[in-house]
Amino acid sequence: MRRREFITLLGGGATTWLLMARAQQAAMPVIGFLGPGSAQSDAYRVAAFRQSLREAGFVEDQNCAIEFRWAEGHYDRLPTLASDLVHRRVAVIVASSFPASLAAKEATARVFRSFCKRPLIQ
């Protein structure tokens, strides 16, 4: 009888340890991709981007996720889309054009400025 109790205890402990280890794994990093066009017009850029990620060891939906934001040719939408990515707390924003990079820079600078205004000790 003691042998069965020991095996049950050992199996339960191993299961608990595995569940705890899985719960402590870091969340999958999210990459934000900000484009001025559309998914169709910038398909070649997205293909090259995904290929570069694969070469660096990152595979979408396996060890990273990608959030796409497209301005559909409306450059005035870029700041809003960049802010959306910042609020989504992506690990990095990839901007596929100069106007998109300016929008991403401004969106992240606003977050940085608001963070720096917070008191360090409360």
PDB file of N, CA and C in Angstrom:
ATOM      1  N   MET A   1       0.813  -1.190   0.000  1.00  0.00           N
ATOM      2  CA  MET A   1       0.000   0.000   0.000  1.00  0.00           C
ATOM      3  C   MET A   1       0.866   1.268   0.000  1.00  0.00           C
ATOM      4  N   ARG A   2       1.941   1.260   0.729  1.00  0.00           N
ATOM      5  CA  ARG A   2       2.810   2.440   0.790  1.00  0.00           C
ATOM      6  C   ARG A   2       3.463   2.702  -0.578  1.00  0.00           C
ATOM      7  N   ARG A   3       3.743   1.657  -1.290  1.00  0.00           N
ATOM      8  CA  ARG A   3       4.354   1.821  -2.608  1.00  0.00           C
ATOM      9  C   ARG A   3       3.418   2.579  -3.545  1.00  0.00           C
ATOM     10  N   ARG A   4       2.133   2.253  -3.540  1.00  0.00           N
ATOM     11  CA  ARG A   4       1.151   2.941  -4.375  1.00  0.00           C
ATOM     12  C   ARG A   4       1.036   4.411  -3.983  1.00  0.00           C
ATOM     13  N   GLU A   5       1.019   4.681  -2.701  1.00  0.00           N
ATOM     14  CA  GLU A   5       0.933   6.062  -2.230  1.00  0.00           C
ATOM     15  C   GLU A   5       2.162   6.856  -2.676  1.00  0.00           C
ATOM     16  N   PHE A   6       3.323   6.227  -2.589  1.00  0.00           N
ATOM     17  CA  PHE A   6       4.563   6.894  -3.000  1.00  0.00           C
ATOM     18  C   PHE A   6       4.536   7.206  -4.495  1.00  0.00           C
ATOM     19  N   ILE A   7       4.109   6.231  -5.308  1.00  0.00           N
ATOM     20  CA  ILE A   7       4.055   6.442  -6.759  1.00  0.00           C
ATOM     21  C   ILE A   7       3.049   7.533  -7.102  1.00  0.00           C
ATOM     22  N   THR A   8       1.898   7.540  -6.433  1.00  0.00           N
ATOM     23  CA  THR A   8       0.891   8.575  -6.658  1.00  0.00           C
ATOM     24  C   THR A   8       1.443   9.945  -6.286  1.00  0.00           C
ATOM     25  N   LEU A   9       2.103  10.026  -5.166  1.00  0.00           N
ATOM     26  CA  LEU A   9       2.693  11.284  -4.720  1.00  0.00           C
ATOM     27  C   LEU A   9       3.764  11.761  -5.692  1.00  0.00           C
ATOM     28  N   LEU A  10       4.607  10.853  -6.128  1.00  0.00           N
ATOM     29  CA  LEU A  10       5.671  11.191  -7.071  1.00  0.00           C
ATOM     30  C   LEU A  10       5.085  11.681  -8.395  1.00  0.00           C
ATOM     31  N   GLY A  11       4.081  10.963  -8.907  1.00  0.00           N
ATOM     32  CA  GLY A  11       3.446  11.366 -10.173  1.00  0.00           C
ATOM     33  C   GLY A  11       2.745  12.700 -10.056  1.00  0.00           C
ATOM     34  N   GLY A  12       2.059  12.938  -8.944  1.00  0.00           N
ATOM     35  CA  GLY A  12       1.378  14.214  -8.730  1.00  0.00           C
ATOM     36  C   GLY A  12       2.355  15.362  -8.621  1.00  0.00           C
ATOM     37  N   GLY A  13       3.480  15.119  -7.936  1.00  0.00           N
ATOM     38  CA  GLY A  13       4.509  16.164  -7.812  1.00  0.00           C
ATOM     39  C   GLY A  13       5.131  16.515  -9.147  1.00  0.00           C
ATOM     40  N   ALA A  14       5.380  15.494  -9.978  1.00  0.00           N
ATOM     41  CA  ALA A  14       5.960  15.747 -11.296  1.00  0.00           C
ATOM     42  C   ALA A  14       4.993  16.530 -12.171  1.00  0.00           C
ATOM     43  N   THR A  15       3.716  16.186 -12.109  1.00  0.00           N
ATOM     44  CA  THR A  15       2.711  16.903 -12.897  1.00  0.00           C
ATOM     45  C   THR A  15       2.622  18.353 -12.456  1.00  0.00           C
ATOM     46  N   THR A  16       2.608  18.586 -11.154  1.00  0.00           N
ATOM     47  CA  THR A  16       2.553  19.948 -10.633  1.00  0.00           C
ATOM     48  C   THR A  16       3.779  20.739 -11.066  1.00  0.00           C
ATOM     49  N   TRP A  17       4.952  20.121 -10.996  1.00  0.00           N
ATOM     50  CA  TRP A  17       6.180  20.802 -11.397  1.00  0.00           C
ATOM     51  C   TRP A  17       6.129  21.182 -12.870  1.00  0.00           C
ATOM     52  N   LEU A  18       5.642  20.282 -13.731  1.00  0.00           N
ATOM     53  CA  LEU A  18       5.549  20.585 -15.163  1.00  0.00           C
ATOM     54  C   LEU A  18       4.580  21.720 -15.431  1.00  0.00           C
ATOM     55  N   LEU A  19       3.446  21.726 -14.752  1.00  0.00           N
ATOM     56  CA  LEU A  19       2.474  22.802 -14.937  1.00  0.00           C
ATOM     57  C   LEU A  19       3.041  24.133 -14.464  1.00  0.00           C
ATOM     58  N   MET A  20       3.764  24.138 -13.365  1.00  0.00           N
ATOM     59  CA  MET A  20       4.371  25.370 -12.875  1.00  0.00           C
ATOM     60  C   MET A  20       5.436  25.870 -13.843  1.00  0.00           C
ATOM     61  N   ALA A  21       6.232  24.973 -14.388  1.00  0.00           N
ATOM     62  CA  ALA A  21       7.277  25.365 -15.337  1.00  0.00           C
ATOM     63  C   ALA A  21       6.652  25.960 -16.589  1.00  0.00           C
ATOM     64  N   ARG A  22       5.571  25.384 -17.064  1.00  0.00           N
ATOM     65  CA  ARG A  22       4.894  25.906 -18.255  1.00  0.00           C
ATOM     66  C   ARG A  22       4.302  27.282 -17.972  1.00  0.00           C
ATOM     67  N   ALA A  23       3.748  27.486 -16.789  1.00  0.00           N
ATOM     68  CA  ALA A  23       3.143  28.771 -16.435  1.00  0.00           C
ATOM     69  C   ALA A  23       4.192  29.864 -16.321  1.00  0.00           C
ATOM     70  N   GLN A  24       5.441  29.515 -16.007  1.00  0.00           N
ATOM     71  CA  GLN A  24       6.483  30.513 -15.829  1.00  0.00           C
ATOM     72  C   GLN A  24       7.203  30.873 -17.119  1.00  0.00           C
ATOM     73  N   GLN A  25       6.886  30.198 -18.217  1.00  0.00           N
ATOM     74  CA  GLN A  25       7.549  30.513 -19.475  1.00  0.00           C
ATOM     75  C   GLN A  25       7.187  31.929 -19.903  1.00  0.00           C
ATOM     76  N   ALA A  26       8.139  32.607 -20.495  1.00  0.00           N
ATOM     77  CA  ALA A  26       7.913  33.971 -20.955  1.00  0.00           C
ATOM     78  C   ALA A  26       6.895  33.977 -22.081  1.00  0.00           C
ATOM     79  N   ALA A  27       6.128  35.038 -22.134  1.00  0.00           N
ATOM     80  CA  ALA A  27       5.150  35.181 -23.204  1.00  0.00           C
ATOM     81  C   ALA A  27       5.876  35.341 -24.539  1.00  0.00           C
ATOM     82  N   MET A  28       5.215  34.958 -25.597  1.00  0.00           N
ATOM     83  CA  MET A  28       5.786  35.058 -26.926  1.00  0.00           C
ATOM     84  C   MET A  28       5.956  36.536 -27.300  1.00  0.00           C
ATOM     85  N   PRO A  29       7.148  36.945 -27.743  1.00  0.00           N
ATOM     86  CA  PRO A  29       7.327  38.350 -28.112  1.00  0.00           C
ATOM     87  C   PRO A  29       6.476  38.704 -29.325  1.00  0.00           C
ATOM     88  N   VAL A  30       5.970  39.929 -29.313  1.00  0.00           N
ATOM     89  CA  VAL A  30       5.133  40.414 -30.407  1.00  0.00           C
ATOM     90  C   VAL A  30       5.899  41.510 -31.139  1.00  0.00           C
ATOM     91  N   ILE A  31       5.979  41.374 -32.452  1.00  0.00           N
ATOM     92  CA  ILE A  31       6.645  42.347 -33.307  1.00  0.00           C
ATOM     93  C   ILE A  31       5.574  43.155 -34.007  1.00  0.00           C
ATOM     94  N   GLY A  32       5.676  44.465 -33.943  1.00  0.00           N
ATOM     95  CA  GLY A  32       4.740  45.337 -34.648  1.00  0.00           C
ATOM     96  C   GLY A  32       5.312  45.720 -36.005  1.00  0.00           C
ATOM     97  N   PHE A  33       4.501  45.591 -37.045  1.00  0.00           N
ATOM     98  CA  PHE A  33       4.925  45.956 -38.401  1.00  0.00           C
ATOM     99  C   PHE A  33       4.019  47.081 -38.864  1.00  0.00           C
ATOM    100  N   LEU A  34       4.586  48.239 -39.129  1.00  0.00           N
ATOM    101  CA  LEU A  34       3.841  49.424 -39.530  1.00  0.00           C
ATOM    102  C   LEU A  34       4.140  49.748 -40.983  1.00  0.00           C
ATOM    103  N   GLY A  35       3.117  49.673 -41.814  1.00  0.00           N
ATOM    104  CA  GLY A  35       3.309  49.927 -43.239  1.00  0.00           C
ATOM    105  C   GLY A  35       2.378  50.998 -43.767  1.00  0.00           C
ATOM    106  N   PRO A  36       2.857  51.829 -44.694  1.00  0.00           N
ATOM    107  CA  PRO A  36       2.021  52.890 -45.246  1.00  0.00           C
ATOM    108  C   PRO A  36       1.036  52.396 -46.303  1.00  0.00           C
ATOM    109  N   GLY A  37       1.298  51.236 -46.878  1.00  0.00           N
ATOM    110  CA  GLY A  37       0.447  50.711 -47.944  1.00  0.00           C
ATOM    111  C   GLY A  37      -0.567  49.723 -47.410  1.00  0.00           C
ATOM    112  N   SER A  38      -0.691  48.610 -48.137  1.00  0.00           N
ATOM    113  CA  SER A  38      -1.605  47.549 -47.738  1.00  0.00           C
ATOM    114  C   SER A  38      -0.851  46.220 -47.763  1.00  0.00           C
ATOM    115  N   ALA A  39      -1.496  45.199 -47.256  1.00  0.00           N
ATOM    116  CA  ALA A  39      -0.869  43.872 -47.256  1.00  0.00           C
ATOM    117  C   ALA A  39      -0.585  43.413 -48.680  1.00  0.00           C
ATOM    118  N   GLN A  40      -1.455  43.766 -49.606  1.00  0.00           N
ATOM    119  CA  GLN A  40      -1.259  43.364 -50.999  1.00  0.00           C
ATOM    120  C   GLN A  40      -0.135  44.155 -51.665  1.00  0.00           C
ATOM    121  N   SER A  41      -0.128  45.460 -51.464  1.00  0.00           N
ATOM    122  CA  SER A  41       0.885  46.277 -52.139  1.00  0.00           C
ATOM    123  C   SER A  41       2.287  46.066 -51.566  1.00  0.00           C
ATOM    124  N   ASP A  42       2.366  45.684 -50.304  1.00  0.00           N
ATOM    125  CA  ASP A  42       3.667  45.485 -49.662  1.00  0.00           C
ATOM    126  C   ASP A  42       3.967  44.014 -49.397  1.00  0.00           C
ATOM    127  N   ALA A  43       3.371  43.131 -50.170  1.00  0.00           N
ATOM    128  CA  ALA A  43       3.567  41.685 -49.961  1.00  0.00           C
ATOM    129  C   ALA A  43       5.036  41.296 -50.083  1.00  0.00           C
ATOM    130  N   TYR A  44       5.762  41.923 -51.007  1.00  0.00           N
ATOM    131  CA  TYR A  44       7.178  41.587 -51.180  1.00  0.00           C
ATOM    132  C   TYR A  44       7.988  41.990 -49.950  1.00  0.00           C
ATOM    133  N   ARG A  45       7.632  43.117 -49.324  1.00  0.00           N
ATOM    134  CA  ARG A  45       8.333  43.542 -48.104  1.00  0.00           C
ATOM    135  C   ARG A  45       8.058  42.578 -46.957  1.00  0.00           C
ATOM    136  N   VAL A  46       6.812  42.156 -46.836  1.00  0.00           N
ATOM    137  CA  VAL A  46       6.443  41.226 -45.766  1.00  0.00           C
ATOM    138  C   VAL A  46       7.145  39.890 -45.963  1.00  0.00           C
ATOM    139  N   ALA A  47       7.221  39.429 -47.206  1.00  0.00           N
ATOM    140  CA  ALA A  47       7.910  38.163 -47.488  1.00  0.00           C
ATOM    141  C   ALA A  47       9.388  38.255 -47.119  1.00  0.00           C
ATOM    142  N   ALA A  48      10.023  39.359 -47.480  1.00  0.00           N
ATOM    143  CA  ALA A  48      11.437  39.551 -47.138  1.00  0.00           C
ATOM    144  C   ALA A  48      11.621  39.670 -45.624  1.00  0.00           C
ATOM    145  N   PHE A  49      10.689  40.338 -44.974  1.00  0.00           N
ATOM    146  CA  PHE A  49      10.743  40.491 -43.519  1.00  0.00           C
ATOM    147  C   PHE A  49      10.638  39.137 -42.827  1.00  0.00           C
ATOM    148  N   ARG A  50       9.677  38.331 -43.250  1.00  0.00           N
ATOM    149  CA  ARG A  50       9.508  36.999 -42.649  1.00  0.00           C
ATOM    150  C   ARG A  50      10.726  36.110 -42.909  1.00  0.00           C
ATOM    151  N   GLN A  51      11.289  36.219 -44.101  1.00  0.00           N
ATOM    152  CA  GLN A  51      12.488  35.435 -44.422  1.00  0.00           C
ATOM    153  C   GLN A  51      13.653  35.846 -43.526  1.00  0.00           C
ATOM    154  N   SER A  52      13.828  37.129 -43.323  1.00  0.00           N
ATOM    155  CA  SER A  52      14.896  37.613 -42.442  1.00  0.00           C
ATOM    156  C   SER A  52      14.682  37.156 -41.014  1.00  0.00           C
ATOM    157  N   LEU A  53      13.429  37.164 -40.570  1.00  0.00           N
ATOM    158  CA  LEU A  53      13.140  36.668 -39.229  1.00  0.00           C
ATOM    159  C   LEU A  53      13.508  35.189 -39.106  1.00  0.00           C
ATOM    160  N   ARG A  54      13.134  34.401 -40.124  1.00  0.00           N
ATOM    161  CA  ARG A  54      13.462  32.968 -40.102  1.00  0.00           C
ATOM    162  C   ARG A  54      14.961  32.751 -40.033  1.00  0.00           C
ATOM    163  N   GLU A  55      15.716  33.538 -40.803  1.00  0.00           N
ATOM    164  CA  GLU A  55      17.171  33.414 -40.793  1.00  0.00           C
ATOM    165  C   GLU A  55      17.757  33.761 -39.428  1.00  0.00           C
ATOM    166  N   ALA A  56      17.056  34.627 -38.685  1.00  0.00           N
ATOM    167  CA  ALA A  56      17.508  35.001 -37.346  1.00  0.00           C
ATOM    168  C   ALA A  56      16.974  34.044 -36.278  1.00  0.00           C
ATOM    169  N   GLY A  57      16.191  33.051 -36.699  1.00  0.00           N
ATOM    170  CA  GLY A  57      15.691  32.062 -35.756  1.00  0.00           C
ATOM    171  C   GLY A  57      14.301  32.329 -35.221  1.00  0.00           C
ATOM    172  N   PHE A  58      13.588  33.297 -35.809  1.00  0.00           N
ATOM    173  CA  PHE A  58      12.239  33.613 -35.364  1.00  0.00           C
ATOM    174  C   PHE A  58      11.231  33.137 -36.401  1.00  0.00           C
ATOM    175  N   VAL A  59      10.286  32.311 -35.962  1.00  0.00           N
ATOM    176  CA  VAL A  59       9.256  31.779 -36.852  1.00  0.00           C
ATOM    177  C   VAL A  59       7.905  32.227 -36.305  1.00  0.00           C
ATOM    178  N   GLU A  60       7.143  32.892 -37.155  1.00  0.00           N
ATOM    179  CA  GLU A  60       5.843  33.411 -36.745  1.00  0.00           C
ATOM    180  C   GLU A  60       4.951  32.281 -36.236  1.00  0.00           C
ATOM    181  N   ASP A  61       4.279  32.549 -35.139  1.00  0.00           N
ATOM    182  CA  ASP A  61       3.359  31.622 -34.468  1.00  0.00           C
ATOM    183  C   ASP A  61       4.059  30.437 -33.805  1.00  0.00           C
ATOM    184  N   GLN A  62       5.394  30.406 -33.843  1.00  0.00           N
ATOM    185  CA  GLN A  62       6.124  29.378 -33.096  1.00  0.00           C
ATOM    186  C   GLN A  62       6.871  29.997 -31.927  1.00  0.00           C
ATOM    187  N   ASN A  63       7.670  31.036 -32.216  1.00  0.00           N
ATOM    188  CA  ASN A  63       8.387  31.693 -31.123  1.00  0.00           C
ATOM    189  C   ASN A  63       8.282  33.218 -31.184  1.00  0.00           C
ATOM    190  N   CYS A  64       7.407  33.724 -32.045  1.00  0.00           N
ATOM    191  CA  CYS A  64       7.105  35.154 -32.080  1.00  0.00           C
ATOM    192  C   CYS A  64       5.752  35.360 -32.767  1.00  0.00           C
ATOM    193  N   ALA A  65       5.187  36.511 -32.559  1.00  0.00           N
ATOM    194  CA  ALA A  65       3.942  36.885 -33.228  1.00  0.00           C
ATOM    195  C   ALA A  65       4.165  38.223 -33.919  1.00  0.00           C
ATOM    196  N   ILE A  66       3.429  38.475 -34.981  1.00  0.00           N
ATOM    197  CA  ILE A  66       3.562  39.733 -35.714  1.00  0.00           C
ATOM    198  C   ILE A  66       2.192  40.395 -35.779  1.00  0.00           C
ATOM    199  N   GLU A  67       2.149  41.666 -35.380  1.00  0.00           N
ATOM    200  CA  GLU A  67       0.933  42.477 -35.472  1.00  0.00           C
ATOM    201  C   GLU A  67       1.150  43.460 -36.618  1.00  0.00           C
ATOM    202  N   PHE A  68       0.330  43.366 -37.641  1.00  0.00           N
ATOM    203  CA  PHE A  68       0.441  44.254 -38.799  1.00  0.00           C
ATOM    204  C   PHE A  68      -0.543  45.407 -38.670  1.00  0.00           C
ATOM    205  N   ARG A  69      -0.080  46.596 -39.044  1.00  0.00           N
ATOM    206  CA  ARG A  69      -0.931  47.777 -39.129  1.00  0.00           C
ATOM    207  C   ARG A  69      -0.652  48.428 -40.473  1.00  0.00           C
ATOM    208  N   TRP A  70      -1.701  48.627 -41.254  1.00  0.00           N
ATOM    209  CA  TRP A  70      -1.574  49.174 -42.601  1.00  0.00           C
ATOM    210  C   TRP A  70      -2.327  50.501 -42.708  1.00  0.00           C
ATOM    211  N   ALA A  71      -1.684  51.503 -43.288  1.00  0.00           N
ATOM    212  CA  ALA A  71      -2.301  52.817 -43.463  1.00  0.00           C
ATOM    213  C   ALA A  71      -3.128  52.885 -44.746  1.00  0.00           C
ATOM    214  N   GLU A  72      -3.006  51.900 -45.619  1.00  0.00           N
ATOM    215  CA  GLU A  72      -3.767  51.849 -46.872  1.00  0.00           C
ATOM    216  C   GLU A  72      -3.589  53.121 -47.705  1.00  0.00           C
ATOM    217  N   GLY A  73      -2.379  53.678 -47.686  1.00  0.00           N
ATOM    218  CA  GLY A  73      -2.077  54.872 -48.468  1.00  0.00           C
ATOM    219  C   GLY A  73      -2.455  56.171 -47.786  1.00  0.00           C
ATOM    220  N   HIS A  74      -3.049  56.112 -46.608  1.00  0.00           N
ATOM    221  CA  HIS A  74      -3.437  57.313 -45.864  1.00  0.00           C
ATOM    222  C   HIS A  74      -2.369  57.587 -44.811  1.00  0.00           C
ATOM    223  N   TYR A  75      -1.404  58.396 -45.180  1.00  0.00           N
ATOM    224  CA  TYR A  75      -0.264  58.651 -44.308  1.00  0.00           C
ATOM    225  C   TYR A  75      -0.674  59.328 -42.999  1.00  0.00           C
ATOM    226  N   ASP A  76      -1.793  60.029 -43.012  1.00  0.00           N
ATOM    227  CA  ASP A  76      -2.252  60.685 -41.797  1.00  0.00           C
ATOM    228  C   ASP A  76      -2.706  59.674 -40.735  1.00  0.00           C
ATOM    229  N   ARG A  77      -2.921  58.422 -41.124  1.00  0.00           N
ATOM    230  CA  ARG A  77      -3.314  57.372 -40.180  1.00  0.00           C
ATOM    231  C   ARG A  77      -2.111  56.758 -39.461  1.00  0.00           C
ATOM    232  N   LEU A  78      -0.914  56.980 -39.960  1.00  0.00           N
ATOM    233  CA  LEU A  78       0.283  56.340 -39.391  1.00  0.00           C
ATOM    234  C   LEU A  78       0.485  56.632 -37.897  1.00  0.00           C
ATOM    235  N   PRO A  79       0.326  57.891 -37.436  1.00  0.00           N
ATOM    236  CA  PRO A  79       0.510  58.129 -35.989  1.00  0.00           C
ATOM    237  C   PRO A  79      -0.467  57.330 -35.112  1.00  0.00           C
ATOM    238  N   THR A  80      -1.710  57.229 -35.550  1.00  0.00           N
ATOM    239  CA  THR A  80      -2.705  56.467 -34.793  1.00  0.00           C
ATOM    240  C   THR A  80      -2.350  54.985 -34.773  1.00  0.00           C
ATOM    241  N   LEU A  81      -1.932  54.464 -35.922  1.00  0.00           N
ATOM    242  CA  LEU A  81      -1.561  53.056 -36.016  1.00  0.00           C
ATOM    243  C   LEU A  81      -0.320  52.754 -35.174  1.00  0.00           C
ATOM    244  N   ALA A  82       0.636  53.681 -35.190  1.00  0.00           N
ATOM    245  CA  ALA A  82       1.846  53.499 -34.374  1.00  0.00           C
ATOM    246  C   ALA A  82       1.497  53.524 -32.888  1.00  0.00           C
ATOM    247  N   SER A  83       0.625  54.433 -32.487  1.00  0.00           N
ATOM    248  CA  SER A  83       0.194  54.493 -31.089  1.00  0.00           C
ATOM    249  C   SER A  83      -0.519  53.209 -30.685  1.00  0.00           C
ATOM    250  N   ASP A  84      -1.294  52.642 -31.603  1.00  0.00           N
ATOM    251  CA  ASP A  84      -1.970  51.382 -31.328  1.00  0.00           C
ATOM    252  C   ASP A  84      -0.956  50.274 -31.050  1.00  0.00           C
ATOM    253  N   LEU A  85       0.108  50.229 -31.826  1.00  0.00           N
ATOM    254  CA  LEU A  85       1.153  49.226 -31.594  1.00  0.00           C
ATOM    255  C   LEU A  85       1.847  49.445 -30.257  1.00  0.00           C
ATOM    256  N   VAL A  86       2.082  50.695 -29.919  1.00  0.00           N
ATOM    257  CA  VAL A  86       2.725  51.007 -28.635  1.00  0.00           C
ATOM    258  C   VAL A  86       1.821  50.565 -27.491  1.00  0.00           C
ATOM    259  N   HIS A  87       0.534  50.846 -27.592  1.00  0.00           N
ATOM    260  CA  HIS A  87      -0.404  50.448 -26.542  1.00  0.00           C
ATOM    261  C   HIS A  87      -0.547  48.930 -26.469  1.00  0.00           C
ATOM    262  N   ARG A  88      -0.301  48.260 -27.564  1.00  0.00           N
ATOM    263  CA  ARG A  88      -0.333  46.784 -27.607  1.00  0.00           C
ATOM    264  C   ARG A  88       0.903  46.209 -26.926  1.00  0.00           C
ATOM    265  N   ARG A  89       1.862  47.081 -26.610  1.00  0.00           N
ATOM    266  CA  ARG A  89       3.115  46.720 -25.927  1.00  0.00           C
ATOM    267  C   ARG A  89       3.926  45.703 -26.727  1.00  0.00           C
ATOM    268  N   VAL A  90       4.088  45.999 -28.015  1.00  0.00           N
ATOM    269  CA  VAL A  90       4.923  45.140 -28.843  1.00  0.00           C
ATOM    270  C   VAL A  90       6.377  45.279 -28.398  1.00  0.00           C
ATOM    271  N   ALA A  91       7.173  44.247 -28.659  1.00  0.00           N
ATOM    272  CA  ALA A  91       8.581  44.272 -28.265  1.00  0.00           C
ATOM    273  C   ALA A  91       9.380  45.242 -29.129  1.00  0.00           C
ATOM    274  N   VAL A  92       9.014  45.347 -30.393  1.00  0.00           N
ATOM    275  CA  VAL A  92       9.715  46.210 -31.340  1.00  0.00           C
ATOM    276  C   VAL A  92       8.734  46.598 -32.442  1.00  0.00           C
ATOM    277  N   ILE A  93       8.940  47.765 -33.024  1.00  0.00           N
ATOM    278  CA  ILE A  93       8.128  48.198 -34.165  1.00  0.00           C
ATOM    279  C   ILE A  93       9.039  48.245 -35.383  1.00  0.00           C
ATOM    280  N   VAL A  94       8.636  47.548 -36.437  1.00  0.00           N
ATOM    281  CA  VAL A  94       9.343  47.584 -37.710  1.00  0.00           C
ATOM    282  C   VAL A  94       8.554  48.508 -38.621  1.00  0.00           C
ATOM    283  N   ALA A  95       9.183  49.568 -39.075  1.00  0.00           N
ATOM    284  CA  ALA A  95       8.535  50.526 -39.965  1.00  0.00           C
ATOM    285  C   ALA A  95       9.081  50.314 -41.374  1.00  0.00           C
ATOM    286  N   SER A  96       8.166  50.134 -42.335  1.00  0.00           N
ATOM    287  CA  SER A  96       8.603  49.794 -43.686  1.00  0.00           C
ATOM    288  C   SER A  96       8.799  51.002 -44.594  1.00  0.00           C
ATOM    289  N   SER A  97       8.739  52.206 -44.039  1.00  0.00           N
ATOM    290  CA  SER A  97       8.989  53.407 -44.838  1.00  0.00           C
ATOM    291  C   SER A  97       9.444  54.527 -43.907  1.00  0.00           C
ATOM    292  N   PHE A  98       9.953  55.588 -44.512  1.00  0.00           N
ATOM    293  CA  PHE A  98      10.398  56.721 -43.710  1.00  0.00           C
ATOM    294  C   PHE A  98       9.241  57.376 -42.961  1.00  0.00           C
ATOM    295  N   PRO A  99       8.096  57.650 -43.611  1.00  0.00           N
ATOM    296  CA  PRO A  99       6.978  58.229 -42.850  1.00  0.00           C
ATOM    297  C   PRO A  99       6.505  57.327 -41.707  1.00  0.00           C
ATOM    298  N   ALA A 100       6.525  56.017 -41.924  1.00  0.00           N
ATOM    299  CA  ALA A 100       6.123  55.093 -40.863  1.00  0.00           C
ATOM    300  C   ALA A 100       7.126  55.122 -39.715  1.00  0.00           C
ATOM    301  N   SER A 101       8.408  55.251 -40.041  1.00  0.00           N
ATOM    302  CA  SER A 101       9.412  55.303 -38.979  1.00  0.00           C
ATOM    303  C   SER A 101       9.283  56.584 -38.157  1.00  0.00           C
ATOM    304  N   LEU A 102       8.927  57.701 -38.803  1.00  0.00           N
ATOM    305  CA  LEU A 102       8.707  58.944 -38.059  1.00  0.00           C
ATOM    306  C   LEU A 102       7.514  58.813 -37.117  1.00  0.00           C
ATOM    307  N   ALA A 103       6.445  58.179 -37.598  1.00  0.00           N
ATOM    308  CA  ALA A 103       5.259  57.982 -36.759  1.00  0.00           C
ATOM    309  C   ALA A 103       5.585  57.077 -35.571  1.00  0.00           C
ATOM    310  N   ALA A 104       6.354  56.021 -35.803  1.00  0.00           N
ATOM    311  CA  ALA A 104       6.738  55.118 -34.718  1.00  0.00           C
ATOM    312  C   ALA A 104       7.638  55.832 -33.717  1.00  0.00           C
ATOM    313  N   LYS A 105       8.547  56.647 -34.225  1.00  0.00           N
ATOM    314  CA  LYS A 105       9.448  57.385 -33.332  1.00  0.00           C
ATOM    315  C   LYS A 105       8.659  58.331 -32.440  1.00  0.00           C
ATOM    316  N   GLU A 106       7.707  59.040 -33.008  1.00  0.00           N
ATOM    317  CA  GLU A 106       6.907  59.981 -32.221  1.00  0.00           C
ATOM    318  C   GLU A 106       6.031  59.251 -31.205  1.00  0.00           C
ATOM    319  N   ALA A 107       5.439  58.140 -31.598  1.00  0.00           N
ATOM    320  CA  ALA A 107       4.575  57.386 -30.679  1.00  0.00           C
ATOM    321  C   ALA A 107       5.378  56.838 -29.502  1.00  0.00           C
ATOM    322  N   THR A 108       6.561  56.328 -29.770  1.00  0.00           N
ATOM    323  CA  THR A 108       7.371  55.791 -28.672  1.00  0.00           C
ATOM    324  C   THR A 108       7.962  56.912 -27.830  1.00  0.00           C
ATOM    325  N   ALA A 109       8.244  58.059 -28.434  1.00  0.00           N
ATOM    326  CA  ALA A 109       8.767  59.201 -27.678  1.00  0.00           C
ATOM    327  C   ALA A 109       7.710  59.722 -26.706  1.00  0.00           C
ATOM    328  N   ARG A 110       6.430  59.722 -27.115  1.00  0.00           N
ATOM    329  CA  ARG A 110       5.358  60.159 -26.212  1.00  0.00           C
ATOM    330  C   ARG A 110       5.273  59.238 -25.001  1.00  0.00           C
ATOM    331  N   VAL A 111       5.406  57.953 -25.223  1.00  0.00           N
ATOM    332  CA  VAL A 111       5.366  56.999 -24.117  1.00  0.00           C
ATOM    333  C   VAL A 111       6.559  57.231 -23.204  1.00  0.00           C
ATOM    334  N   PHE A 112       7.729  57.436 -23.779  1.00  0.00           N
ATOM    335  CA  PHE A 112       8.938  57.665 -22.987  1.00  0.00           C
ATOM    336  C   PHE A 112       8.813  58.939 -22.162  1.00  0.00           C
ATOM    337  N   ARG A 113       8.300  60.014 -22.791  1.00  0.00           N
ATOM    338  CA  ARG A 113       8.152  61.279 -22.063  1.00  0.00           C
ATOM    339  C   ARG A 113       7.172  61.125 -20.903  1.00  0.00           C
ATOM    340  N   SER A 114       6.053  60.425 -21.118  1.00  0.00           N
ATOM    341  CA  SER A 114       5.090  60.262 -20.037  1.00  0.00           C
ATOM    342  C   SER A 114       5.657  59.372 -18.936  1.00  0.00           C
ATOM    343  N   PHE A 115       6.491  58.403 -19.303  1.00  0.00           N
ATOM    344  CA  PHE A 115       7.120  57.540 -18.311  1.00  0.00           C
ATOM    345  C   PHE A 115       8.101  58.344 -17.466  1.00  0.00           C
ATOM    346  N   CYS A 116       8.859  59.231 -18.105  1.00  0.00           N
ATOM    347  CA  CYS A 116       9.869  60.009 -17.382  1.00  0.00           C
ATOM    348  C   CYS A 116       9.240  61.042 -16.453  1.00  0.00           C
ATOM    349  N   LYS A 117       8.005  61.450 -16.711  1.00  0.00           N
ATOM    350  CA  LYS A 117       7.351  62.425 -15.847  1.00  0.00           C
ATOM    351  C   LYS A 117       6.838  61.804 -14.555  1.00  0.00           C
ATOM    352  N   ARG A 118       6.751  60.484 -14.500  1.00  0.00           N
ATOM    353  CA  ARG A 118       6.280  59.801 -13.300  1.00  0.00           C
ATOM    354  C   ARG A 118       7.341  59.895 -12.224  1.00  0.00           C
ATOM    355  N   PRO A 119       6.928  60.079 -10.984  1.00  0.00           N
ATOM    356  CA  PRO A 119       7.925  60.106  -9.899  1.00  0.00           C
ATOM    357  C   PRO A 119       8.515  58.715  -9.700  1.00  0.00           C
ATOM    358  N   LEU A 120       9.804  58.679  -9.444  1.00  0.00           N
ATOM    359  CA  LEU A 120      10.476  57.397  -9.259  1.00  0.00           C
ATOM    360  C   LEU A 120      10.152  56.784  -7.911  1.00  0.00           C
ATOM    361  N   ILE A 121       9.985  57.613  -6.895  1.00  0.00           N
ATOM    362  CA  ILE A 121       9.664  57.109  -5.558  1.00  0.00           C
ATOM    363  C   ILE A 121       8.340  57.707  -5.135  1.00  0.00           C
ATOM    364  N   GLN A 122       7.470  56.843  -4.692  1.00  0.00           N
ATOM    365  CA  GLN A 122       6.150  57.346  -4.269  1.00  0.00           C
ATOM    366  C   GLN A 122       5.957  57.204  -2.786  1.00  0.00           C
TER     367      GLN A 122
END
